[in-house]
PDB file of N, CA and C in Angstrom:
ATOM      1  N   UNK A   1       0.841  -1.191   0.000  1.00  0.00           N
ATOM      2  CA  UNK A   1       0.000   0.000   0.000  1.00  0.00           C
ATOM      3  C   UNK A   1       0.886   1.254   0.000  1.00  0.00           C
ATOM      4  N   UNK A   2       0.622   2.145  -0.909  1.00  0.00           N
ATOM      5  CA  UNK A   2       1.410   3.367  -1.040  1.00  0.00           C
ATOM      6  C   UNK A   2       0.938   4.432  -0.058  1.00  0.00           C
ATOM      7  N   UNK A   3       1.891   5.182   0.490  1.00  0.00           N
ATOM      8  CA  UNK A   3       1.536   6.325   1.327  1.00  0.00           C
ATOM      9  C   UNK A   3       1.272   7.523   0.413  1.00  0.00           C
ATOM     10  N   UNK A   4       0.713   8.577   0.951  1.00  0.00           N
ATOM     11  CA  UNK A   4       0.426   9.762   0.123  1.00  0.00           C
ATOM     12  C   UNK A   4       1.734  10.401  -0.365  1.00  0.00           C
ATOM     13  N   UNK A   5       2.780  10.329   0.450  1.00  0.00           N
ATOM     14  CA  UNK A   5       4.084  10.878   0.051  1.00  0.00           C
ATOM     15  C   UNK A   5       4.660  10.078  -1.125  1.00  0.00           C
ATOM     16  N   UNK A   6       4.559   8.749  -1.058  1.00  0.00           N
ATOM     17  CA  UNK A   6       5.052   7.891  -2.133  1.00  0.00           C
ATOM     18  C   UNK A   6       4.238   8.116  -3.406  1.00  0.00           C
ATOM     19  N   UNK A   7       2.933   8.239  -3.249  1.00  0.00           N
ATOM     20  CA  UNK A   7       2.049   8.475  -4.392  1.00  0.00           C
ATOM     21  C   UNK A   7       2.394   9.800  -5.070  1.00  0.00           C
ATOM     22  N   UNK A   8       2.651  10.825  -4.268  1.00  0.00           N
ATOM     23  CA  UNK A   8       3.022  12.138  -4.812  1.00  0.00           C
ATOM     24  C   UNK A   8       4.352  12.045  -5.565  1.00  0.00           C
ATOM     25  N   UNK A   9       5.300  11.303  -5.025  1.00  0.00           N
ATOM     26  CA  UNK A   9       6.596  11.107  -5.677  1.00  0.00           C
ATOM     27  C   UNK A   9       6.407  10.416  -7.032  1.00  0.00           C
ATOM     28  N   UNK A  10       5.581   9.367  -7.063  1.00  0.00           N
ATOM     29  CA  UNK A  10       5.325   8.639  -8.307  1.00  0.00           C
ATOM     30  C   UNK A  10       4.588   9.506  -9.325  1.00  0.00           C
ATOM     31  N   UNK A  11       3.672  10.358  -8.855  1.00  0.00           N
ATOM     32  CA  UNK A  11       2.970  11.270  -9.772  1.00  0.00           C
ATOM     33  C   UNK A  11       3.973  12.197 -10.446  1.00  0.00           C
ATOM     34  N   UNK A  12       4.959  12.671  -9.684  1.00  0.00           N
ATOM     35  CA  UNK A  12       6.002  13.531 -10.241  1.00  0.00           C
ATOM     36  C   UNK A  12       6.818  12.817 -11.311  1.00  0.00           C
ATOM     37  N   UNK A  13       7.154  11.559 -11.051  1.00  0.00           N
ATOM     38  CA  UNK A  13       7.894  10.767 -12.047  1.00  0.00           C
ATOM     39  C   UNK A  13       7.038  10.535 -13.290  1.00  0.00           C
ATOM     40  N   UNK A  14       5.763  10.246 -13.083  1.00  0.00           N
ATOM     41  CA  UNK A  14       4.858   9.940 -14.197  1.00  0.00           C
ATOM     42  C   UNK A  14       4.645  11.151 -15.105  1.00  0.00           C
ATOM     43  N   UNK A  15       4.739  12.348 -14.547  1.00  0.00           N
ATOM     44  CA  UNK A  15       4.522  13.558 -15.347  1.00  0.00           C
ATOM     45  C   UNK A  15       5.524  13.653 -16.496  1.00  0.00           C
ATOM     46  N   UNK A  16       6.707  13.087 -16.301  1.00  0.00           N
ATOM     47  CA  UNK A  16       7.744  13.136 -17.331  1.00  0.00           C
ATOM     48  C   UNK A  16       7.707  11.922 -18.264  1.00  0.00           C
ATOM     49  N   UNK A  17       6.868  10.951 -17.954  1.00  0.00           N
ATOM     50  CA  UNK A  17       6.789   9.720 -18.755  1.00  0.00           C
ATOM     51  C   UNK A  17       5.814   9.884 -19.919  1.00  0.00           C
ATOM     52  N   UNK A  18       6.065   9.125 -20.982  1.00  0.00           N
ATOM     53  CA  UNK A  18       5.136   9.079 -22.109  1.00  0.00           C
ATOM     54  C   UNK A  18       4.028   8.083 -21.802  1.00  0.00           C
ATOM     55  N   UNK A  19       2.874   8.277 -22.437  1.00  0.00           N
ATOM     56  CA  UNK A  19       1.777   7.329 -22.328  1.00  0.00           C
ATOM     57  C   UNK A  19       2.116   6.134 -23.218  1.00  0.00           C
ATOM     58  N   UNK A  20       2.240   4.947 -22.617  1.00  0.00           N
ATOM     59  CA  UNK A  20       2.655   3.784 -23.408  1.00  0.00           C
ATOM     60  C   UNK A  20       1.575   2.712 -23.530  1.00  0.00           C
ATOM     61  N   UNK A  21       0.452   2.900 -22.838  1.00  0.00           N
ATOM     62  CA  UNK A  21      -0.634   1.915 -22.915  1.00  0.00           C
ATOM     63  C   UNK A  21      -1.913   2.642 -23.302  1.00  0.00           C
ATOM     64  N   UNK A  22      -2.603   2.111 -24.316  1.00  0.00           N
ATOM     65  CA  UNK A  22      -3.870   2.711 -24.721  1.00  0.00           C
ATOM     66  C   UNK A  22      -4.966   1.660 -24.709  1.00  0.00           C
ATOM     67  N   UNK A  23      -6.115   2.049 -24.155  1.00  0.00           N
ATOM     68  CA  UNK A  23      -7.288   1.175 -24.109  1.00  0.00           C
ATOM     69  C   UNK A  23      -8.276   1.705 -25.139  1.00  0.00           C
ATOM     70  N   UNK A  24      -8.606   0.888 -26.121  1.00  0.00           N
ATOM     71  CA  UNK A  24      -9.510   1.309 -27.196  1.00  0.00           C
ATOM     72  C   UNK A  24     -10.866   0.653 -27.108  1.00  0.00           C
ATOM     73  N   UNK A  25     -11.521   0.514 -28.270  1.00  0.00           N
ATOM     74  CA  UNK A  25     -12.894   0.001 -28.293  1.00  0.00           C
ATOM     75  C   UNK A  25     -13.006  -1.467 -27.883  1.00  0.00           C
ATOM     76  N   UNK A  26     -11.899  -2.228 -27.981  1.00  0.00           N
ATOM     77  CA  UNK A  26     -11.947  -3.635 -27.539  1.00  0.00           C
ATOM     78  C   UNK A  26     -11.977  -3.729 -26.019  1.00  0.00           C
ATOM     79  N   UNK A  27     -11.634  -2.650 -25.346  1.00  0.00           N
ATOM     80  CA  UNK A  27     -11.597  -2.657 -23.885  1.00  0.00           C
ATOM     81  C   UNK A  27     -10.332  -3.344 -23.390  1.00  0.00           C
ATOM     82  N   UNK A  28     -10.438  -4.005 -22.241  1.00  0.00           N
ATOM     83  CA  UNK A  28      -9.279  -4.668 -21.650  1.00  0.00           C
ATOM     84  C   UNK A  28      -9.334  -6.147 -21.989  1.00  0.00           C
ATOM     85  N   UNK A  29      -8.424  -6.572 -22.825  1.00  0.00           N
ATOM     86  CA  UNK A  29      -8.353  -7.977 -23.230  1.00  0.00           C
ATOM     87  C   UNK A  29      -7.258  -8.665 -22.416  1.00  0.00           C
ATOM     88  N   UNK A  30      -7.182  -9.974 -22.544  1.00  0.00           N
ATOM     89  CA  UNK A  30      -6.129 -10.740 -21.873  1.00  0.00           C
ATOM     90  C   UNK A  30      -4.752 -10.266 -22.347  1.00  0.00           C
ATOM     91  N   UNK A  31      -4.679  -9.979 -23.645  1.00  0.00           N
ATOM     92  CA  UNK A  31      -3.419  -9.508 -24.238  1.00  0.00           C
ATOM     93  C   UNK A  31      -3.006  -8.156 -23.635  1.00  0.00           C
ATOM     94  N   UNK A  32      -3.968  -7.295 -23.403  1.00  0.00           N
ATOM     95  CA  UNK A  32      -3.698  -5.989 -22.797  1.00  0.00           C
ATOM     96  C   UNK A  32      -3.125  -6.168 -21.394  1.00  0.00           C
ATOM     97  N   UNK A  33      -3.751  -7.037 -20.610  1.00  0.00           N
ATOM     98  CA  UNK A  33      -3.293  -7.275 -19.238  1.00  0.00           C
ATOM     99  C   UNK A  33      -1.892  -7.887 -19.230  1.00  0.00           C
ATOM    100  N   UNK A  34      -1.613  -8.813 -20.145  1.00  0.00           N
ATOM    101  CA  UNK A  34      -0.280  -9.420 -20.235  1.00  0.00           C
ATOM    102  C   UNK A  34       0.766  -8.376 -20.611  1.00  0.00           C
ATOM    103  N   UNK A  35       0.434  -7.528 -21.588  1.00  0.00           N
ATOM    104  CA  UNK A  35       1.365  -6.479 -22.021  1.00  0.00           C
ATOM    105  C   UNK A  35       1.656  -5.527 -20.866  1.00  0.00           C
ATOM    106  N   UNK A  36       0.625  -5.160 -20.102  1.00  0.00           N
ATOM    107  CA  UNK A  36       0.822  -4.277 -18.961  1.00  0.00           C
ATOM    108  C   UNK A  36       1.714  -4.946 -17.921  1.00  0.00           C
ATOM    109  N   UNK A  37       1.505  -6.231 -17.681  1.00  0.00           N
ATOM    110  CA  UNK A  37       2.347  -6.969 -16.733  1.00  0.00           C
ATOM    111  C   UNK A  37       3.811  -6.906 -17.134  1.00  0.00           C
ATOM    112  N   UNK A  38       4.079  -7.076 -18.430  1.00  0.00           N
ATOM    113  CA  UNK A  38       5.458  -6.999 -18.940  1.00  0.00           C
ATOM    114  C   UNK A  38       6.026  -5.589 -18.756  1.00  0.00           C
ATOM    115  N   UNK A  39       5.207  -4.573 -19.055  1.00  0.00           N
ATOM    116  CA  UNK A  39       5.655  -3.182 -18.909  1.00  0.00           C
ATOM    117  C   UNK A  39       5.977  -2.866 -17.452  1.00  0.00           C
ATOM    118  N   UNK A  40       5.124  -3.334 -16.546  1.00  0.00           N
ATOM    119  CA  UNK A  40       5.338  -3.073 -15.123  1.00  0.00           C
ATOM    120  C   UNK A  40       6.607  -3.750 -14.619  1.00  0.00           C
ATOM    121  N   UNK A  41       6.878  -4.969 -15.094  1.00  0.00           N
ATOM    122  CA  UNK A  41       8.112  -5.655 -14.695  1.00  0.00           C
ATOM    123  C   UNK A  41       9.344  -4.876 -15.158  1.00  0.00           C
ATOM    124  N   UNK A  42       9.280  -4.326 -16.357  1.00  0.00           N
ATOM    125  CA  UNK A  42      10.423  -3.606 -16.923  1.00  0.00           C
ATOM    126  C   UNK A  42      10.579  -2.197 -16.348  1.00  0.00           C
ATOM    127  N   UNK A  43       9.460  -1.491 -16.149  1.00  0.00           N
ATOM    128  CA  UNK A  43       9.539  -0.065 -15.798  1.00  0.00           C
ATOM    129  C   UNK A  43       9.022   0.273 -14.413  1.00  0.00           C
ATOM    130  N   UNK A  44       8.135  -0.542 -13.857  1.00  0.00           N
ATOM    131  CA  UNK A  44       7.466  -0.341 -12.568  1.00  0.00           C
ATOM    132  C   UNK A  44       6.382   0.740 -12.601  1.00  0.00           C
ATOM    133  N   UNK A  45       6.519   1.753 -13.445  1.00  0.00           N
ATOM    134  CA  UNK A  45       5.545   2.834 -13.515  1.00  0.00           C
ATOM    135  C   UNK A  45       5.054   2.952 -14.952  1.00  0.00           C
ATOM    136  N   UNK A  46       3.739   2.830 -15.136  1.00  0.00           N
ATOM    137  CA  UNK A  46       3.170   2.855 -16.489  1.00  0.00           C
ATOM    138  C   UNK A  46       2.037   3.867 -16.542  1.00  0.00           C
ATOM    139  N   UNK A  47       2.088   4.717 -17.573  1.00  0.00           N
ATOM    140  CA  UNK A  47       1.034   5.693 -17.808  1.00  0.00           C
ATOM    141  C   UNK A  47       0.177   5.192 -18.961  1.00  0.00           C
ATOM    142  N   UNK A  48      -1.128   5.164 -18.752  1.00  0.00           N
ATOM    143  CA  UNK A  48      -2.049   4.682 -19.779  1.00  0.00           C
ATOM    144  C   UNK A  48      -3.117   5.713 -20.098  1.00  0.00           C
ATOM    145  N   UNK A  49      -3.798   5.455 -21.195  1.00  0.00           N
ATOM    146  CA  UNK A  49      -4.854   6.372 -21.641  1.00  0.00           C
ATOM    147  C   UNK A  49      -6.026   5.567 -22.186  1.00  0.00           C
ATOM    148  N   UNK A  50      -7.228   6.039 -21.901  1.00  0.00           N
ATOM    149  CA  UNK A  50      -8.435   5.426 -22.438  1.00  0.00           C
ATOM    150  C   UNK A  50      -8.911   6.294 -23.599  1.00  0.00           C
ATOM    151  N   UNK A  51      -8.985   5.697 -24.774  1.00  0.00           N
ATOM    152  CA  UNK A  51      -9.409   6.437 -25.963  1.00  0.00           C
ATOM    153  C   UNK A  51     -10.906   6.692 -25.929  1.00  0.00           C
ATOM    154  N   UNK A  52     -11.349   7.684 -26.699  1.00  0.00           N
ATOM    155  CA  UNK A  52     -12.778   8.028 -26.732  1.00  0.00           C
ATOM    156  C   UNK A  52     -13.639   6.888 -27.245  1.00  0.00           C
ATOM    157  N   UNK A  53     -13.065   6.008 -28.068  1.00  0.00           N
ATOM    158  CA  UNK A  53     -13.828   4.892 -28.636  1.00  0.00           C
ATOM    159  C   UNK A  53     -14.103   3.791 -27.607  1.00  0.00           C
ATOM    160  N   UNK A  54     -13.458   3.852 -26.457  1.00  0.00           N
ATOM    161  CA  UNK A  54     -13.627   2.823 -25.428  1.00  0.00           C
ATOM    162  C   UNK A  54     -14.937   3.026 -24.674  1.00  0.00           C
ATOM    163  N   UNK A  55     -15.509   1.909 -24.244  1.00  0.00           N
ATOM    164  CA  UNK A  55     -16.735   1.963 -23.442  1.00  0.00           C
ATOM    165  C   UNK A  55     -16.404   2.147 -21.958  1.00  0.00           C
ATOM    166  N   UNK A  56     -15.122   2.090 -21.589  1.00  0.00           N
ATOM    167  CA  UNK A  56     -14.693   2.208 -20.201  1.00  0.00           C
ATOM    168  C   UNK A  56     -14.275   3.640 -19.869  1.00  0.00           C
ATOM    169  N   UNK A  57     -14.437   4.004 -18.617  1.00  0.00           N
ATOM    170  CA  UNK A  57     -13.868   5.272 -18.146  1.00  0.00           C
ATOM    171  C   UNK A  57     -12.425   4.983 -17.721  1.00  0.00           C
ATOM    172  N   UNK A  58     -11.650   6.029 -17.541  1.00  0.00           N
ATOM    173  CA  UNK A  58     -10.272   5.846 -17.093  1.00  0.00           C
ATOM    174  C   UNK A  58     -10.245   5.183 -15.717  1.00  0.00           C
ATOM    175  N   UNK A  59     -11.165   5.558 -14.850  1.00  0.00           N
ATOM    176  CA  UNK A  59     -11.248   4.968 -13.500  1.00  0.00           C
ATOM    177  C   UNK A  59     -11.533   3.468 -13.581  1.00  0.00           C
ATOM    178  N   UNK A  60     -12.505   3.081 -14.415  1.00  0.00           N
ATOM    179  CA  UNK A  60     -12.844   1.651 -14.562  1.00  0.00           C
ATOM    180  C   UNK A  60     -11.663   0.862 -15.117  1.00  0.00           C
ATOM    181  N   UNK A  61     -11.010   1.417 -16.119  1.00  0.00           N
ATOM    182  CA  UNK A  61      -9.855   0.744 -16.722  1.00  0.00           C
ATOM    183  C   UNK A  61      -8.736   0.593 -15.699  1.00  0.00           C
ATOM    184  N   UNK A  62      -8.469   1.646 -14.955  1.00  0.00           N
ATOM    185  CA  UNK A  62      -7.420   1.617 -13.947  1.00  0.00           C
ATOM    186  C   UNK A  62      -7.730   0.595 -12.854  1.00  0.00           C
ATOM    187  N   UNK A  63      -8.967   0.578 -12.369  1.00  0.00           N
ATOM    188  CA  UNK A  63      -9.382  -0.391 -11.344  1.00  0.00           C
ATOM    189  C   UNK A  63      -9.205  -1.820 -11.832  1.00  0.00           C
ATOM    190  N   UNK A  64      -9.673  -2.089 -13.044  1.00  0.00           N
ATOM    191  CA  UNK A  64      -9.617  -3.435 -13.609  1.00  0.00           C
ATOM    192  C   UNK A  64      -8.180  -3.892 -13.821  1.00  0.00           C
ATOM    193  N   UNK A  65      -7.368  -3.038 -14.422  1.00  0.00           N
ATOM    194  CA  UNK A  65      -5.972  -3.398 -14.689  1.00  0.00           C
ATOM    195  C   UNK A  65      -5.172  -3.559 -13.396  1.00  0.00           C
ATOM    196  N   UNK A  66      -5.428  -2.710 -12.419  1.00  0.00           N
ATOM    197  CA  UNK A  66      -4.729  -2.815 -11.136  1.00  0.00           C
ATOM    198  C   UNK A  66      -5.046  -4.154 -10.471  1.00  0.00           C
ATOM    199  N   UNK A  67      -6.306  -4.556 -10.523  1.00  0.00           N
ATOM    200  CA  UNK A  67      -6.700  -5.830  -9.929  1.00  0.00           C
ATOM    201  C   UNK A  67      -6.076  -7.013 -10.677  1.00  0.00           C
ATOM    202  N   UNK A  68      -6.108  -6.972 -11.989  1.00  0.00           N
ATOM    203  CA  UNK A  68      -5.558  -8.077 -12.789  1.00  0.00           C
ATOM    204  C   UNK A  68      -4.055  -8.232 -12.641  1.00  0.00           C
ATOM    205  N   UNK A  69      -3.349  -7.118 -12.543  1.00  0.00           N
ATOM    206  CA  UNK A  69      -1.877  -7.146 -12.494  1.00  0.00           C
ATOM    207  C   UNK A  69      -1.333  -6.994 -11.077  1.00  0.00           C
ATOM    208  N   UNK A  70      -2.225  -6.891 -10.099  1.00  0.00           N
ATOM    209  CA  UNK A  70      -1.839  -6.658  -8.706  1.00  0.00           C
ATOM    210  C   UNK A  70      -0.930  -5.436  -8.590  1.00  0.00           C
ATOM    211  N   UNK A  71      -1.346  -4.367  -9.228  1.00  0.00           N
ATOM    212  CA  UNK A  71      -0.578  -3.116  -9.226  1.00  0.00           C
ATOM    213  C   UNK A  71      -1.276  -2.087  -8.351  1.00  0.00           C
ATOM    214  N   UNK A  72      -0.552  -1.040  -8.022  1.00  0.00           N
ATOM    215  CA  UNK A  72      -1.091   0.065  -7.228  1.00  0.00           C
ATOM    216  C   UNK A  72      -1.551   1.181  -8.149  1.00  0.00           C
ATOM    217  N   UNK A  73      -2.720   1.747  -7.854  1.00  0.00           N
ATOM    218  CA  UNK A  73      -3.187   2.911  -8.603  1.00  0.00           C
ATOM    219  C   UNK A  73      -2.476   4.135  -8.045  1.00  0.00           C
ATOM    220  N   UNK A  74      -1.888   4.906  -8.940  1.00  0.00           N
ATOM    221  CA  UNK A  74      -1.195   6.120  -8.513  1.00  0.00           C
ATOM    222  C   UNK A  74      -2.089   7.328  -8.744  1.00  0.00           C
ATOM    223  N   UNK A  75      -2.710   7.377  -9.943  1.00  0.00           N
ATOM    224  CA  UNK A  75      -3.458   8.579 -10.311  1.00  0.00           C
ATOM    225  C   UNK A  75      -4.404   8.285 -11.465  1.00  0.00           C
ATOM    226  N   UNK A  76      -5.546   8.954 -11.456  1.00  0.00           N
ATOM    227  CA  UNK A  76      -6.468   8.967 -12.597  1.00  0.00           C
ATOM    228  C   UNK A  76      -6.882  10.411 -12.817  1.00  0.00           C
ATOM    229  N   UNK A  77      -6.565  10.942 -14.009  1.00  0.00           N
ATOM    230  CA  UNK A  77      -6.972  12.312 -14.361  1.00  0.00           C
ATOM    231  C   UNK A  77      -7.516  12.283 -15.779  1.00  0.00           C
ATOM    232  N   UNK A  78      -8.756  12.705 -15.937  1.00  0.00           N
ATOM    233  CA  UNK A  78      -9.367  12.732 -17.269  1.00  0.00           C
ATOM    234  C   UNK A  78      -9.352  11.353 -17.895  1.00  0.00           C
ATOM    235  N   UNK A  79      -8.704  11.219 -19.050  1.00  0.00           N
ATOM    236  CA  UNK A  79      -8.667   9.925 -19.730  1.00  0.00           C
ATOM    237  C   UNK A  79      -7.360   9.171 -19.454  1.00  0.00           C
ATOM    238  N   UNK A  80      -6.519   9.734 -18.592  1.00  0.00           N
ATOM    239  CA  UNK A  80      -5.221   9.106 -18.306  1.00  0.00           C
ATOM    240  C   UNK A  80      -5.183   8.509 -16.904  1.00  0.00           C
ATOM    241  N   UNK A  81      -4.328   7.482 -16.758  1.00  0.00           N
ATOM    242  CA  UNK A  81      -4.145   6.856 -15.459  1.00  0.00           C
ATOM    243  C   UNK A  81      -2.704   6.375 -15.336  1.00  0.00           C
ATOM    244  N   UNK A  82      -2.276   6.190 -14.090  1.00  0.00           N
ATOM    245  CA  UNK A  82      -0.906   5.737 -13.817  1.00  0.00           C
ATOM    246  C   UNK A  82      -0.974   4.566 -12.839  1.00  0.00           C
ATOM    247  N   UNK A  83      -0.217   3.504 -13.157  1.00  0.00           N
ATOM    248  CA  UNK A  83      -0.129   2.328 -12.303  1.00  0.00           C
ATOM    249  C   UNK A  83       1.321   2.074 -11.913  1.00  0.00           C
ATOM    250  N   UNK A  84       1.502   1.506 -10.706  1.00  0.00           N
ATOM    251  CA  UNK A  84       2.846   1.201 -10.206  1.00  0.00           C
ATOM    252  C   UNK A  84       2.848  -0.205  -9.639  1.00  0.00           C
ATOM    253  N   UNK A  85       3.922  -0.940  -9.931  1.00  0.00           N
ATOM    254  CA  UNK A  85       4.128  -2.248  -9.304  1.00  0.00           C
ATOM    255  C   UNK A  85       5.625  -2.458  -9.151  1.00  0.00           C
ATOM    256  N   UNK A  86       6.058  -2.663  -7.918  1.00  0.00           N
ATOM    257  CA  UNK A  86       7.488  -2.844  -7.632  1.00  0.00           C
ATOM    258  C   UNK A  86       7.976  -4.172  -8.208  1.00  0.00           C
ATOM    259  N   UNK A  87       9.121  -4.121  -8.851  1.00  0.00           N
ATOM    260  CA  UNK A  87       9.792  -5.323  -9.349  1.00  0.00           C
ATOM    261  C   UNK A  87      10.679  -5.817  -8.215  1.00  0.00           C
ATOM    262  N   UNK A  88      10.316  -6.954  -7.616  1.00  0.00           N
ATOM    263  CA  UNK A  88      11.041  -7.448  -6.446  1.00  0.00           C
ATOM    264  C   UNK A  88      12.469  -7.882  -6.781  1.00  0.00           C
ATOM    265  N   UNK A  89      12.707  -8.413  -7.998  1.00  0.00           N
ATOM    266  CA  UNK A  89      14.039  -8.873  -8.376  1.00  0.00           C
ATOM    267  C   UNK A  89      14.975  -7.707  -8.704  1.00  0.00           C
ATOM    268  N   UNK A  90      14.512  -6.788  -9.541  1.00  0.00           N
ATOM    269  CA  UNK A  90      15.349  -5.665  -9.980  1.00  0.00           C
ATOM    270  C   UNK A  90      14.579  -4.354  -9.848  1.00  0.00           C
ATOM    271  N   UNK A  91      14.485  -3.810  -8.628  1.00  0.00           N
ATOM    272  CA  UNK A  91      13.748  -2.544  -8.466  1.00  0.00           C
ATOM    273  C   UNK A  91      14.384  -1.421  -9.279  1.00  0.00           C
ATOM    274  N   UNK A  92      13.541  -0.634  -9.930  1.00  0.00           N
ATOM    275  CA  UNK A  92      14.000   0.484 -10.751  1.00  0.00           C
ATOM    276  C   UNK A  92      13.809   1.801  -9.997  1.00  0.00           C
ATOM    277  N   UNK A  93      12.683   1.918  -9.303  1.00  0.00           N
ATOM    278  CA  UNK A  93      12.317   3.166  -8.622  1.00  0.00           C
ATOM    279  C   UNK A  93      12.517   3.001  -7.114  1.00  0.00           C
ATOM    280  N   UNK A  94      13.229   3.946  -6.518  1.00  0.00           N
ATOM    281  CA  UNK A  94      13.422   3.961  -5.070  1.00  0.00           C
ATOM    282  C   UNK A  94      12.384   4.904  -4.464  1.00  0.00           C
ATOM    283  N   UNK A  95      11.414   4.344  -3.741  1.00  0.00           N
ATOM    284  CA  UNK A  95      10.348   5.157  -3.143  1.00  0.00           C
ATOM    285  C   UNK A  95      10.828   5.808  -1.845  1.00  0.00           C
ATOM    286  N   UNK A  96      10.276   6.989  -1.519  1.00  0.00           N
ATOM    287  CA  UNK A  96      10.583   7.579  -0.208  1.00  0.00           C
ATOM    288  C   UNK A  96      10.081   6.628   0.884  1.00  0.00           C
ATOM    289  N   UNK A  97      10.782   6.572   1.976  1.00  0.00           N
ATOM    290  CA  UNK A  97      10.399   5.688   3.084  1.00  0.00           C
ATOM    291  C   UNK A  97       9.095   6.156   3.699  1.00  0.00           C
ATOM    292  N   UNK A  98       8.284   5.168   4.125  1.00  0.00           N
ATOM    293  CA  UNK A  98       7.046   5.488   4.824  1.00  0.00           C
ATOM    294  C   UNK A  98       7.385   5.965   6.230  1.00  0.00           C
ATOM    295  N   UNK A  99       6.641   6.936   6.729  1.00  0.00           N
ATOM    296  CA  UNK A  99       6.883   7.459   8.070  1.00  0.00           C
ATOM    297  C   UNK A  99       6.539   6.378   9.093  1.00  0.00           C
ATOM    298  N   UNK A 100       7.343   6.336  10.152  1.00  0.00           N
ATOM    299  CA  UNK A 100       7.098   5.325  11.193  1.00  0.00           C
ATOM    300  C   UNK A 100       5.931   5.782  12.062  1.00  0.00           C
ATOM    301  N   UNK A 101       5.078   4.819  12.416  1.00  0.00           N
ATOM    302  CA  UNK A 101       3.950   5.133  13.300  1.00  0.00           C
ATOM    303  C   UNK A 101       4.422   5.170  14.742  1.00  0.00           C
ATOM    304  N   UNK A 102       3.885   6.119  15.484  1.00  0.00           N
ATOM    305  CA  UNK A 102       4.289   6.255  16.895  1.00  0.00           C
ATOM    306  C   UNK A 102       3.385   5.445  17.788  1.00  0.00           C
TER     307      UNK A 102
END
């Protein structure tokens, strides 16, 4: 589970990233979920977009893909969304530490 500080850090990183996943009129297929899984393993942070031809909203697409790939939702704005999943073998992104609870 991401903290708000970690989420803010990831949003900052995502702002500089290109959109590499697009959801079109076919919606979310098995192939789409597999491709996202591969992208998350390689990059950890993926920015996606839902095209106007899609029957899904960006929120629905983000929820569905996060559940299928066991990823964390970072952000949904308009037709774009950002997902994060840590690569346990070869981490790419170093997240800020979570604050210790007192």
